[in-house]
Amino acid sequence: MASMGATMVGGTIADLFASQDRGLPMSIFSTAAFAGNGCGGAWYGYVEQNVGWRWTNWIQLILASTTWILMNIILRETRGSVILSTIARKLRVTTGDNRYKVKADEERSSLAILIRVSLSRPLYLLATEPVVFAFSLWIAFAWGVLFLLFEAIPLVLKKVYNFDNGQTGLAFLALTIGGILGGLTNPLQEWMYKRNVQRKGPEARLYSSIIGGFLFPIGSFIFAWTQGNGPWWPPIIGIAIFTMGVYMIYLATFNYLSDCYLAYASSAMAAQS
């Protein structure tokens, strides 16, 4: 359920913003996603330490439920085909003319067809589109290493530096710092995109991923080689650099696939997960 937000945002932003205006909204979402991982870990350490690990799950449930309720109250439909379908249905009712139809309604004629299309399209794109497959493989590897890092941070800080749960949680703020630093590079990426988009097309979204591709292993090696060989802060710096690299890869992939697949951006994103 939680992964739905990550896959749907690309399509939603593609619905709301033209390609030339999409970079900033995407970067704000990506920064929030990375910063949220760090901030959550920072205070969950103290929650576990003071009131028990079960409350980490209860707090997540409370926050997620509240957010879901607010989303249903505040947010409105953004997908063009669904909006047209609603207009066509109202016209059929008010005029009695059944000729008002939308082609996309064929994909939603029944719940079974809707589920089949929703499940098969991401797999189809993953299997038939080399671009989707290659970028999904790249970002899947980056995400995999990032989530392995979530397990490695407590192991290193508790066993090597004797941190307690609260102090270990604070170390996750390095993820927040890395996400924010990555977000600060977005204006440069946007400048390069607008300068080269007429010549390069959607590929102009990928300049920042080149830098991120270097920061990704550099941060990993700093974290691995410095732990246990000095104070606690060099591994934390490595975490921040690593996260910054993953952010830049993720945002570039997000924007690139949104530009390439437009109305089907969410399906291309879902192929990654």
C-alpha atoms as a PDB file:
ATOM      1  CA  MET A   1       0.000   0.000   0.000  1.00  0.00           C
ATOM      2  CA  ALA A   2       2.735   2.455   0.937  1.00  0.00           C
ATOM      3  CA  SER A   3       4.495   2.024  -2.424  1.00  0.00           C
ATOM      4  CA  MET A   4       1.387   3.283  -4.226  1.00  0.00           C
ATOM      5  CA  GLY A   5       2.286   6.869  -3.363  1.00  0.00           C
ATOM      6  CA  ALA A   6       5.705   6.595  -4.956  1.00  0.00           C
ATOM      7  CA  THR A   7       4.301   5.128  -8.177  1.00  0.00           C
ATOM      8  CA  MET A   8       1.285   7.445  -8.446  1.00  0.00           C
ATOM      9  CA  VAL A   9       3.083  10.745  -7.863  1.00  0.00           C
ATOM     10  CA  GLY A  10       4.919  10.639 -11.188  1.00  0.00           C
ATOM     11  CA  GLY A  11       1.690  10.275 -13.133  1.00  0.00           C
ATOM     12  CA  THR A  12      -0.126  12.860 -11.019  1.00  0.00           C
ATOM     13  CA  ILE A  13       2.584  15.494 -11.502  1.00  0.00           C
ATOM     14  CA  ALA A  14       2.700  14.638 -15.221  1.00  0.00           C
ATOM     15  CA  ASP A  15      -1.055  15.348 -15.326  1.00  0.00           C
ATOM     16  CA  LEU A  16      -0.753  18.667 -13.516  1.00  0.00           C
ATOM     17  CA  PHE A  17       2.388  20.192 -15.004  1.00  0.00           C
ATOM     18  CA  ALA A  18       3.861  20.589 -18.462  1.00  0.00           C
ATOM     19  CA  SER A  19       7.297  19.057 -19.036  1.00  0.00           C
ATOM     20  CA  GLN A  20       9.127  22.374 -18.699  1.00  0.00           C
ATOM     21  CA  ASP A  21       7.446  23.050 -15.325  1.00  0.00           C
ATOM     22  CA  ARG A  22       7.695  19.548 -13.872  1.00  0.00           C
ATOM     23  CA  GLY A  23      11.195  19.628 -12.397  1.00  0.00           C
ATOM     24  CA  LEU A  24      10.467  21.677  -9.264  1.00  0.00           C
ATOM     25  CA  PRO A  25       7.343  19.742  -8.147  1.00  0.00           C
ATOM     26  CA  MET A  26       9.169  16.461  -8.674  1.00  0.00           C
ATOM     27  CA  SER A  27      12.148  17.676  -6.658  1.00  0.00           C
ATOM     28  CA  ILE A  28       9.894  18.826  -3.797  1.00  0.00           C
ATOM     29  CA  PHE A  29       8.245  15.402  -3.626  1.00  0.00           C
ATOM     30  CA  SER A  30      11.580  13.578  -3.823  1.00  0.00           C
ATOM     31  CA  THR A  31      13.120  15.771  -1.123  1.00  0.00           C
ATOM     32  CA  ALA A  32      10.137  15.111   1.132  1.00  0.00           C
ATOM     33  CA  ALA A  33      10.429  11.367   0.542  1.00  0.00           C
ATOM     34  CA  PHE A  34      14.122  11.218   1.419  1.00  0.00           C
ATOM     35  CA  ALA A  35      13.854  13.694   4.285  1.00  0.00           C
ATOM     36  CA  GLY A  36      10.918  11.727   5.674  1.00  0.00           C
ATOM     37  CA  ASN A  37      13.002   8.562   5.858  1.00  0.00           C
ATOM     38  CA  GLY A  38      15.628  10.373   7.893  1.00  0.00           C
ATOM     39  CA  CYS A  39      13.263  12.283  10.178  1.00  0.00           C
ATOM     40  CA  GLY A  40      11.232   9.152  10.870  1.00  0.00           C
ATOM     41  CA  GLY A  41      14.294   7.233  11.977  1.00  0.00           C
ATOM     42  CA  ALA A  42      15.492  10.162  14.084  1.00  0.00           C
ATOM     43  CA  TRP A  43      12.531  10.234  16.421  1.00  0.00           C
ATOM     44  CA  TYR A  44      11.487   6.580  16.185  1.00  0.00           C
ATOM     45  CA  GLY A  45      14.707   5.683  17.975  1.00  0.00           C
ATOM     46  CA  TYR A  46      13.568   7.619  21.017  1.00  0.00           C
ATOM     47  CA  VAL A  47      10.002   6.276  20.683  1.00  0.00           C
ATOM     48  CA  GLU A  48      11.301   2.715  20.837  1.00  0.00           C
ATOM     49  CA  GLN A  49      13.657   3.559  23.667  1.00  0.00           C
ATOM     50  CA  ASN A  50      11.026   5.234  25.856  1.00  0.00           C
ATOM     51  CA  VAL A  51       7.610   3.701  25.056  1.00  0.00           C
ATOM     52  CA  GLY A  52       8.406   0.462  23.200  1.00  0.00           C
ATOM     53  CA  TRP A  53       8.727  -0.715  19.609  1.00  0.00           C
ATOM     54  CA  ARG A  54       4.989  -1.343  19.159  1.00  0.00           C
ATOM     55  CA  TRP A  55       4.353   2.398  19.260  1.00  0.00           C
ATOM     56  CA  THR A  56       6.515   2.884  16.180  1.00  0.00           C
ATOM     57  CA  ASN A  57       3.849   0.935  14.274  1.00  0.00           C
ATOM     58  CA  TRP A  58       0.912   2.642  15.995  1.00  0.00           C
ATOM     59  CA  ILE A  59       2.278   6.097  15.212  1.00  0.00           C
ATOM     60  CA  GLN A  60       2.772   5.137  11.557  1.00  0.00           C
ATOM     61  CA  LEU A  61      -0.817   3.863  11.419  1.00  0.00           C
ATOM     62  CA  ILE A  62      -2.156   7.093  12.951  1.00  0.00           C
ATOM     63  CA  LEU A  63      -0.169   9.312  10.582  1.00  0.00           C
ATOM     64  CA  ALA A  64      -1.004   7.224   7.501  1.00  0.00           C
ATOM     65  CA  SER A  65      -4.724   7.100   8.348  1.00  0.00           C
ATOM     66  CA  THR A  66      -4.882  10.840   8.967  1.00  0.00           C
ATOM     67  CA  THR A  67      -3.065  11.546   5.714  1.00  0.00           C
ATOM     68  CA  TRP A  68      -5.354   9.194   3.777  1.00  0.00           C
ATOM     69  CA  ILE A  69      -8.471  10.911   5.143  1.00  0.00           C
ATOM     70  CA  LEU A  70      -7.110  14.378   4.311  1.00  0.00           C
ATOM     71  CA  MET A  71      -6.138  13.258   0.809  1.00  0.00           C
ATOM     72  CA  ASN A  72      -9.665  12.019   0.125  1.00  0.00           C
ATOM     73  CA  ILE A  73     -11.148  15.292   1.375  1.00  0.00           C
ATOM     74  CA  ILE A  74      -8.732  17.765  -0.226  1.00  0.00           C
ATOM     75  CA  LEU A  75      -7.374  16.202  -3.420  1.00  0.00           C
ATOM     76  CA  ARG A  76      -9.263  16.067  -6.696  1.00  0.00           C
ATOM     77  CA  GLU A  77      -8.974  13.849  -9.765  1.00  0.00           C
ATOM     78  CA  THR A  78      -6.119  14.843 -12.116  1.00  0.00           C
ATOM     79  CA  ARG A  79      -6.116  12.162 -14.820  1.00  0.00           C
ATOM     80  CA  GLY A  80      -7.519  13.559 -18.063  1.00  0.00           C
ATOM     81  CA  SER A  81      -9.280  10.388 -19.201  1.00  0.00           C
ATOM     82  CA  VAL A  82     -11.110  10.040 -15.883  1.00  0.00           C
ATOM     83  CA  ILE A  83     -12.236  13.691 -15.963  1.00  0.00           C
ATOM     84  CA  LEU A  84     -13.492  13.254 -19.543  1.00  0.00           C
ATOM     85  CA  SER A  85     -15.285  10.064 -18.517  1.00  0.00           C
ATOM     86  CA  THR A  86     -17.093  11.937 -15.739  1.00  0.00           C
ATOM     87  CA  ILE A  87     -18.132  14.697 -18.166  1.00  0.00           C
ATOM     88  CA  ALA A  88     -19.340  12.128 -20.716  1.00  0.00           C
ATOM     89  CA  ARG A  89     -21.395  10.292 -18.093  1.00  0.00           C
ATOM     90  CA  LYS A  90     -23.101  13.539 -17.027  1.00  0.00           C
ATOM     91  CA  LEU A  91     -23.853  14.376 -20.671  1.00  0.00           C
ATOM     92  CA  ARG A  92     -25.398  10.942 -21.213  1.00  0.00           C
ATOM     93  CA  VAL A  93     -27.659  11.491 -18.205  1.00  0.00           C
ATOM     94  CA  THR A  94     -28.685  15.057 -19.031  1.00  0.00           C
ATOM     95  CA  THR A  95     -29.159  14.596 -22.815  1.00  0.00           C
ATOM     96  CA  GLY A  96     -30.146  10.949 -23.023  1.00  0.00           C
ATOM     97  CA  ASP A  97     -27.631  10.567 -25.856  1.00  0.00           C
ATOM     98  CA  ASN A  98     -25.484   7.463 -25.326  1.00  0.00           C
ATOM     99  CA  ARG A  99     -23.011   8.500 -28.009  1.00  0.00           C
ATOM    100  CA  TYR A 100     -21.021  10.477 -25.442  1.00  0.00           C
ATOM    101  CA  LYS A 101     -18.269   7.991 -24.594  1.00  0.00           C
ATOM    102  CA  VAL A 102     -14.566   7.983 -23.785  1.00  0.00           C
ATOM    103  CA  LYS A 103     -12.263   5.358 -25.248  1.00  0.00           C
ATOM    104  CA  ALA A 104     -10.510   4.878 -21.900  1.00  0.00           C
ATOM    105  CA  ASP A 105     -13.820   3.645 -20.433  1.00  0.00           C
ATOM    106  CA  GLU A 106     -13.201   0.352 -22.201  1.00  0.00           C
ATOM    107  CA  GLU A 107     -10.351  -0.245 -19.736  1.00  0.00           C
ATOM    108  CA  ARG A 108     -12.732   0.377 -16.829  1.00  0.00           C
ATOM    109  CA  SER A 109     -15.816  -1.430 -18.097  1.00  0.00           C
ATOM    110  CA  SER A 110     -15.595  -3.895 -15.214  1.00  0.00           C
ATOM    111  CA  LEU A 111     -13.541  -4.356 -12.078  1.00  0.00           C
ATOM    112  CA  ALA A 112     -11.879  -7.449 -13.566  1.00  0.00           C
ATOM    113  CA  ILE A 113     -10.745  -5.556 -16.679  1.00  0.00           C
ATOM    114  CA  LEU A 114      -9.557  -2.608 -14.584  1.00  0.00           C
ATOM    115  CA  ILE A 115      -7.437  -4.878 -12.377  1.00  0.00           C
ATOM    116  CA  ARG A 116      -6.084  -6.766 -15.398  1.00  0.00           C
ATOM    117  CA  VAL A 117      -5.033  -3.567 -17.189  1.00  0.00           C
ATOM    118  CA  SER A 118      -3.566  -2.011 -14.026  1.00  0.00           C
ATOM    119  CA  LEU A 119      -1.496  -5.095 -13.263  1.00  0.00           C
ATOM    120  CA  SER A 120      -0.458  -6.002 -16.793  1.00  0.00           C
ATOM    121  CA  ARG A 121       0.569  -2.597 -18.168  1.00  0.00           C
ATOM    122  CA  PRO A 122       3.561  -2.098 -15.817  1.00  0.00           C
ATOM    123  CA  LEU A 123       4.744  -5.645 -16.536  1.00  0.00           C
ATOM    124  CA  TYR A 124       4.258  -5.092 -20.257  1.00  0.00           C
ATOM    125  CA  LEU A 125       6.327  -1.897 -20.171  1.00  0.00           C
ATOM    126  CA  LEU A 126       9.000  -3.624 -18.097  1.00  0.00           C
ATOM    127  CA  ALA A 127       9.227  -6.529 -20.557  1.00  0.00           C
ATOM    128  CA  THR A 128       8.956  -4.630 -23.842  1.00  0.00           C
ATOM    129  CA  GLU A 129      10.535  -1.219 -23.187  1.00  0.00           C
ATOM    130  CA  PRO A 130      14.349  -1.384 -22.816  1.00  0.00           C
ATOM    131  CA  VAL A 131      14.357   2.115 -21.304  1.00  0.00           C
ATOM    132  CA  VAL A 132      11.931   1.101 -18.553  1.00  0.00           C
ATOM    133  CA  PHE A 133      13.828  -2.131 -17.898  1.00  0.00           C
ATOM    134  CA  ALA A 134      17.251  -0.462 -17.740  1.00  0.00           C
ATOM    135  CA  PHE A 135      16.178   2.375 -15.478  1.00  0.00           C
ATOM    136  CA  SER A 136      14.128   0.040 -13.291  1.00  0.00           C
ATOM    137  CA  LEU A 137      17.183  -2.172 -12.840  1.00  0.00           C
ATOM    138  CA  TRP A 138      19.344   0.820 -11.942  1.00  0.00           C
ATOM    139  CA  ILE A 139      16.951   2.400  -9.463  1.00  0.00           C
ATOM    140  CA  ALA A 140      16.056  -1.001  -7.986  1.00  0.00           C
ATOM    141  CA  PHE A 141      19.724  -1.597  -7.220  1.00  0.00           C
ATOM    142  CA  ALA A 142      20.056   1.874  -5.695  1.00  0.00           C
ATOM    143  CA  TRP A 143      16.921   1.428  -3.573  1.00  0.00           C
ATOM    144  CA  GLY A 144      18.079  -2.041  -2.523  1.00  0.00           C
ATOM    145  CA  VAL A 145      21.394  -0.721  -1.266  1.00  0.00           C
ATOM    146  CA  LEU A 146      19.622   2.181   0.458  1.00  0.00           C
ATOM    147  CA  PHE A 147      17.332  -0.145   2.396  1.00  0.00           C
ATOM    148  CA  LEU A 148      20.269  -2.391   3.267  1.00  0.00           C
ATOM    149  CA  LEU A 149      21.865   0.752   4.670  1.00  0.00           C
ATOM    150  CA  PHE A 150      18.886   1.125   6.992  1.00  0.00           C
ATOM    151  CA  GLU A 151      19.926  -2.188   8.548  1.00  0.00           C
ATOM    152  CA  ALA A 152      23.639  -1.421   8.504  1.00  0.00           C
ATOM    153  CA  ILE A 153      23.417   1.908  10.353  1.00  0.00           C
ATOM    154  CA  PRO A 154      22.195   0.420  13.671  1.00  0.00           C
ATOM    155  CA  LEU A 155      24.657  -2.469  13.412  1.00  0.00           C
ATOM    156  CA  VAL A 156      27.636  -0.172  12.938  1.00  0.00           C
ATOM    157  CA  LEU A 157      26.684   2.550  15.415  1.00  0.00           C
ATOM    158  CA  LYS A 158      25.557   0.224  18.195  1.00  0.00           C
ATOM    159  CA  LYS A 159      28.309  -2.381  17.954  1.00  0.00           C
ATOM    160  CA  VAL A 160      31.235  -0.184  16.945  1.00  0.00           C
ATOM    161  CA  TYR A 161      30.408   3.138  18.630  1.00  0.00           C
ATOM    162  CA  ASN A 162      28.108   1.941  21.451  1.00  0.00           C
ATOM    163  CA  PHE A 163      25.242   4.256  20.483  1.00  0.00           C
ATOM    164  CA  ASP A 164      21.879   3.735  22.196  1.00  0.00           C
ATOM    165  CA  ASN A 165      18.603   3.567  20.229  1.00  0.00           C
ATOM    166  CA  GLY A 166      17.988   7.304  20.417  1.00  0.00           C
ATOM    167  CA  GLN A 167      21.485   8.245  19.259  1.00  0.00           C
ATOM    168  CA  THR A 168      21.304   5.665  16.471  1.00  0.00           C
ATOM    169  CA  GLY A 169      18.014   7.139  15.308  1.00  0.00           C
ATOM    170  CA  LEU A 170      19.549  10.607  15.133  1.00  0.00           C
ATOM    171  CA  ALA A 171      22.148   9.256  12.696  1.00  0.00           C
ATOM    172  CA  PHE A 172      19.334   8.763  10.183  1.00  0.00           C
ATOM    173  CA  LEU A 173      19.199  12.542   9.872  1.00  0.00           C
ATOM    174  CA  ALA A 174      22.126  12.068   7.496  1.00  0.00           C
ATOM    175  CA  LEU A 175      19.519  10.758   5.031  1.00  0.00           C
ATOM    176  CA  THR A 176      17.553  13.971   5.455  1.00  0.00           C
ATOM    177  CA  ILE A 177      20.677  16.069   4.904  1.00  0.00           C
ATOM    178  CA  GLY A 178      21.571  14.041   1.810  1.00  0.00           C
ATOM    179  CA  GLY A 179      18.058  14.480   0.399  1.00  0.00           C
ATOM    180  CA  ILE A 180      18.115  18.234   1.017  1.00  0.00           C
ATOM    181  CA  LEU A 181      21.558  18.583  -0.577  1.00  0.00           C
ATOM    182  CA  GLY A 182      20.301  16.602  -3.548  1.00  0.00           C
ATOM    183  CA  GLY A 183      17.286  18.910  -3.793  1.00  0.00           C
ATOM    184  CA  LEU A 184      19.574  21.933  -3.830  1.00  0.00           C
ATOM    185  CA  THR A 185      21.181  20.613  -7.028  1.00  0.00           C
ATOM    186  CA  ASN A 186      17.839  20.666  -8.850  1.00  0.00           C
ATOM    187  CA  PRO A 187      18.109  24.308 -10.047  1.00  0.00           C
ATOM    188  CA  LEU A 188      21.349  23.387 -11.846  1.00  0.00           C
ATOM    189  CA  GLN A 189      19.692  20.352 -13.416  1.00  0.00           C
ATOM    190  CA  GLU A 190      16.715  22.478 -14.471  1.00  0.00           C
ATOM    191  CA  TRP A 191      19.042  25.039 -16.058  1.00  0.00           C
ATOM    192  CA  MET A 192      20.794  22.287 -18.019  1.00  0.00           C
ATOM    193  CA  TYR A 193      17.454  20.768 -18.994  1.00  0.00           C
ATOM    194  CA  LYS A 194      16.009  24.003 -20.381  1.00  0.00           C
ATOM    195  CA  ARG A 195      19.258  24.725 -22.195  1.00  0.00           C
ATOM    196  CA  ASN A 196      19.417  21.311 -23.914  1.00  0.00           C
ATOM    197  CA  VAL A 197      15.850  19.979 -24.129  1.00  0.00           C
ATOM    198  CA  GLN A 198      15.303  21.139 -27.717  1.00  0.00           C
ATOM    199  CA  ARG A 199      18.358  19.190 -28.820  1.00  0.00           C
ATOM    200  CA  LYS A 200      18.337  16.231 -26.403  1.00  0.00           C
ATOM    201  CA  GLY A 201      14.636  15.744 -25.647  1.00  0.00           C
ATOM    202  CA  PRO A 202      13.767  13.856 -22.419  1.00  0.00           C
ATOM    203  CA  GLU A 203      17.406  12.763 -22.086  1.00  0.00           C
ATOM    204  CA  ALA A 204      18.161  16.314 -20.929  1.00  0.00           C
ATOM    205  CA  ARG A 205      16.674  15.204 -17.594  1.00  0.00           C
ATOM    206  CA  LEU A 206      19.590  12.846 -16.945  1.00  0.00           C
ATOM    207  CA  TYR A 207      22.545  15.162 -16.351  1.00  0.00           C
ATOM    208  CA  SER A 208      22.229  15.053 -12.576  1.00  0.00           C
ATOM    209  CA  SER A 209      22.122  11.253 -12.586  1.00  0.00           C
ATOM    210  CA  ILE A 210      25.696  11.249 -13.937  1.00  0.00           C
ATOM    211  CA  ILE A 211      26.877  13.027 -10.791  1.00  0.00           C
ATOM    212  CA  GLY A 212      24.640  10.841  -8.648  1.00  0.00           C
ATOM    213  CA  GLY A 213      26.137   7.754 -10.237  1.00  0.00           C
ATOM    214  CA  PHE A 214      29.544   8.799  -8.889  1.00  0.00           C
ATOM    215  CA  LEU A 215      28.323   9.937  -5.453  1.00  0.00           C
ATOM    216  CA  PHE A 216      26.513   6.621  -4.913  1.00  0.00           C
ATOM    217  CA  PRO A 217      29.662   4.433  -4.680  1.00  0.00           C
ATOM    218  CA  ILE A 218      31.799   7.199  -3.135  1.00  0.00           C
ATOM    219  CA  GLY A 219      29.426   7.521  -0.179  1.00  0.00           C
ATOM    220  CA  SER A 220      29.216   3.729   0.143  1.00  0.00           C
ATOM    221  CA  PHE A 221      32.988   3.346   0.315  1.00  0.00           C
ATOM    222  CA  ILE A 222      33.335   6.184   2.840  1.00  0.00           C
ATOM    223  CA  PHE A 223      30.750   4.543   5.097  1.00  0.00           C
ATOM    224  CA  ALA A 224      32.353   1.094   4.776  1.00  0.00           C
ATOM    225  CA  TRP A 225      36.024   2.067   5.084  1.00  0.00           C
ATOM    226  CA  THR A 226      35.827   4.662   7.848  1.00  0.00           C
ATOM    227  CA  GLN A 227      33.640   2.828  10.371  1.00  0.00           C
ATOM    228  CA  GLY A 228      35.738   1.508  13.225  1.00  0.00           C
ATOM    229  CA  ASN A 229      38.826   3.415  12.066  1.00  0.00           C
ATOM    230  CA  GLY A 230      38.181   6.707  13.821  1.00  0.00           C
ATOM    231  CA  PRO A 231      35.349   8.841  15.229  1.00  0.00           C
ATOM    232  CA  TRP A 232      31.675   8.295  14.440  1.00  0.00           C
ATOM    233  CA  TRP A 233      31.165  11.233  12.087  1.00  0.00           C
ATOM    234  CA  PRO A 234      33.015  10.051   8.910  1.00  0.00           C
ATOM    235  CA  PRO A 235      30.536   7.174   8.342  1.00  0.00           C
ATOM    236  CA  ILE A 236      27.694   9.661   8.828  1.00  0.00           C
ATOM    237  CA  ILE A 237      29.188  11.884   6.115  1.00  0.00           C
ATOM    238  CA  GLY A 238      29.392   8.821   3.883  1.00  0.00           C
ATOM    239  CA  ILE A 239      25.691   8.165   4.466  1.00  0.00           C
ATOM    240  CA  ALA A 240      24.804  11.742   3.488  1.00  0.00           C
ATOM    241  CA  ILE A 241      26.902  11.575   0.287  1.00  0.00           C
ATOM    242  CA  PHE A 242      25.435   8.185  -0.607  1.00  0.00           C
ATOM    243  CA  THR A 243      21.873   9.437  -0.066  1.00  0.00           C
ATOM    244  CA  MET A 244      22.549  12.511  -2.169  1.00  0.00           C
ATOM    245  CA  GLY A 245      23.678  10.236  -5.000  1.00  0.00           C
ATOM    246  CA  VAL A 246      20.595   8.008  -4.745  1.00  0.00           C
ATOM    247  CA  TYR A 247      18.386  11.117  -4.697  1.00  0.00           C
ATOM    248  CA  MET A 248      19.912  12.459  -7.905  1.00  0.00           C
ATOM    249  CA  ILE A 249      19.518   9.100  -9.653  1.00  0.00           C
ATOM    250  CA  TYR A 250      15.944   8.742  -8.419  1.00  0.00           C
ATOM    251  CA  LEU A 251      14.840  12.249  -9.402  1.00  0.00           C
ATOM    252  CA  ALA A 252      16.417  12.002 -12.850  1.00  0.00           C
ATOM    253  CA  THR A 253      14.725   8.643 -13.455  1.00  0.00           C
ATOM    254  CA  PHE A 254      11.414   9.989 -12.170  1.00  0.00           C
ATOM    255  CA  ASN A 255      11.476  13.016 -14.457  1.00  0.00           C
ATOM    256  CA  TYR A 256      12.788  11.104 -17.455  1.00  0.00           C
ATOM    257  CA  LEU A 257      10.114   8.403 -17.384  1.00  0.00           C
ATOM    258  CA  SER A 258       7.398  11.007 -16.770  1.00  0.00           C
ATOM    259  CA  ASP A 259       8.530  12.939 -19.838  1.00  0.00           C
ATOM    260  CA  CYS A 260       8.725   9.778 -21.935  1.00  0.00           C
ATOM    261  CA  TYR A 261       5.438   8.115 -20.977  1.00  0.00           C
ATOM    262  CA  LEU A 262       3.216  11.068 -19.941  1.00  0.00           C
ATOM    263  CA  ALA A 263      -0.273   9.565 -19.347  1.00  0.00           C
ATOM    264  CA  TYR A 264       1.328   6.184 -18.623  1.00  0.00           C
ATOM    265  CA  ALA A 265       4.013   7.579 -16.324  1.00  0.00           C
ATOM    266  CA  SER A 266       2.496   5.865 -13.282  1.00  0.00           C
ATOM    267  CA  SER A 267       2.652   2.498 -15.047  1.00  0.00           C
ATOM    268  CA  ALA A 268       6.307   3.102 -15.934  1.00  0.00           C
ATOM    269  CA  MET A 269       6.988   4.021 -12.293  1.00  0.00           C
ATOM    270  CA  ALA A 270       5.102   0.964 -11.069  1.00  0.00           C
ATOM    271  CA  ALA A 271       7.385  -1.218 -13.183  1.00  0.00           C
ATOM    272  CA  GLN A 272      10.229  -0.114 -10.921  1.00  0.00           C
ATOM    273  CA  SER A 273       8.497  -1.420  -7.810  1.00  0.00           C
END
